[in-house]
Amino acid sequence: MSLSNQYAKWSGDELRRAERIADQFLSNHNQEIYRSFNAQLLAAAELLHRLRADGASLEERLDCFARIAEISGVMQSDAYALFELASEPGVARLLASAL
């Protein structure tokens, strides 16, 4: 179920408050969010470095691909969740004002 369905019956004031809370959450957790994404990027970069190394076996390369896929999946999921948190109240408010 999309989060926007939860916002469908909220008033404009409630939606603006939800936007402020989302903005405050992202601001308050900015450094943690950065550290998490940066750690994942560094892990992926290390795996890419291993792929480039001479003498890596097929199994080692396959392991790198699997781990890169796992990291990218986690990053995608986290980014999407943060995007939804921050955007859905505003989108819902815009849609409510257009109706």
Protein backbone atom coordinates (compact mmCIF):
# COMPACT_ATOMS: atom_id res chain seq x y z
CA MET A 1 0.00 0.00 0.00
CA SER A 2 1.42 3.36 -0.97
CA LEU A 3 1.96 5.89 1.78
CA SER A 4 0.01 8.46 -0.23
CA ASN A 5 -3.16 6.43 0.48
CA GLN A 6 -2.63 7.18 4.17
CA TYR A 7 -2.47 10.90 3.41
CA ALA A 8 -5.60 10.99 1.25
CA LYS A 9 -7.87 12.11 4.09
CA TRP A 10 -5.43 14.44 5.82
CA SER A 11 -6.07 18.17 5.90
CA GLY A 12 -3.69 20.64 4.29
CA ASP A 13 -2.39 21.62 7.73
CA GLU A 14 -1.72 17.98 8.60
CA LEU A 15 0.12 17.45 5.34
CA ARG A 16 2.24 20.58 5.83
CA ARG A 17 3.08 19.36 9.34
CA ALA A 18 4.08 15.96 7.92
CA GLU A 19 6.36 17.75 5.44
CA ARG A 20 7.99 19.75 8.24
CA ILE A 21 8.52 16.60 10.30
CA ALA A 22 10.06 14.79 7.32
CA ASP A 23 12.33 17.76 6.64
CA GLN A 24 13.34 17.92 10.29
CA PHE A 25 14.05 14.17 10.37
CA LEU A 26 16.30 14.38 7.31
CA SER A 27 18.07 17.44 8.70
CA ASN A 28 18.57 15.86 12.12
CA HIS A 29 19.90 12.63 10.61
CA ASN A 30 21.87 14.14 7.74
CA GLN A 31 25.26 12.98 9.02
CA GLU A 32 24.04 9.45 9.79
CA ILE A 33 22.45 9.16 6.35
CA TYR A 34 25.67 10.41 4.74
CA ARG A 35 27.83 7.97 6.74
CA SER A 36 25.60 5.05 5.83
CA PHE A 37 25.60 5.78 2.10
CA ASN A 38 29.29 6.64 2.11
CA ALA A 39 30.19 3.35 3.84
CA GLN A 40 28.22 1.46 1.22
CA LEU A 41 29.92 3.36 -1.59
CA LEU A 42 33.34 2.64 -0.11
CA ALA A 43 32.51 -1.05 0.17
CA ALA A 44 31.37 -1.11 -3.47
CA ALA A 45 34.54 0.74 -4.52
CA GLU A 46 36.67 -1.89 -2.78
CA LEU A 47 34.81 -4.64 -4.60
CA LEU A 48 35.34 -2.85 -7.92
CA HIS A 49 39.03 -2.61 -7.11
CA ARG A 50 39.12 -6.38 -6.48
CA LEU A 51 37.44 -6.99 -9.83
CA ARG A 52 40.20 -5.09 -11.58
CA ALA A 53 42.97 -7.02 -9.85
CA ASP A 54 45.00 -9.43 -11.93
CA GLY A 55 44.73 -13.06 -10.96
CA ALA A 56 41.26 -12.95 -9.43
CA SER A 57 39.54 -16.28 -9.87
CA LEU A 58 36.10 -16.72 -11.39
CA GLU A 59 34.68 -17.47 -7.94
CA GLU A 60 36.23 -14.30 -6.51
CA ARG A 61 34.80 -12.22 -9.34
CA LEU A 62 31.36 -13.80 -8.97
CA ASP A 63 31.49 -13.07 -5.24
CA CYS A 64 32.31 -9.42 -6.02
CA PHE A 65 29.38 -9.18 -8.42
CA ALA A 66 27.02 -10.71 -5.87
CA ARG A 67 28.19 -8.37 -3.12
CA ILE A 68 27.98 -5.32 -5.41
CA ALA A 69 24.42 -6.34 -6.28
CA GLU A 70 23.58 -6.68 -2.59
CA ILE A 71 25.06 -3.28 -1.72
CA SER A 72 23.33 -1.55 -4.62
CA GLY A 73 20.02 -3.15 -3.64
CA VAL A 74 20.34 -1.90 -0.07
CA MET A 75 21.28 1.57 -1.29
CA GLN A 76 18.31 1.63 -3.65
CA SER A 77 15.94 0.51 -0.92
CA ASP A 78 17.27 3.06 1.58
CA ALA A 79 17.22 5.90 -0.94
CA TYR A 80 13.68 5.06 -2.02
CA ALA A 81 12.46 4.90 1.60
CA LEU A 82 14.02 8.29 2.39
CA PHE A 83 12.57 9.74 -0.81
CA GLU A 84 9.09 8.48 0.10
CA LEU A 85 9.40 9.83 3.63
CA ALA A 86 10.27 13.28 2.41
CA SER A 87 8.14 13.58 -0.71
CA GLU A 88 4.81 11.86 -0.14
CA PRO A 89 3.22 14.44 2.19
CA GLY A 90 4.06 17.22 -0.27
CA VAL A 91 2.80 15.26 -3.24
CA ALA A 92 -0.39 14.41 -1.39
CA ARG A 93 -0.88 18.10 -0.50
CA LEU A 94 -0.38 19.16 -4.11
CA LEU A 95 -2.86 16.56 -5.32
CA ALA A 96 -5.41 17.56 -2.66
CA SER A 97 -5.15 21.22 -3.64
CA ALA A 98 -5.58 20.34 -7.33
CA LEU A 99 -8.85 18.47 -6.72
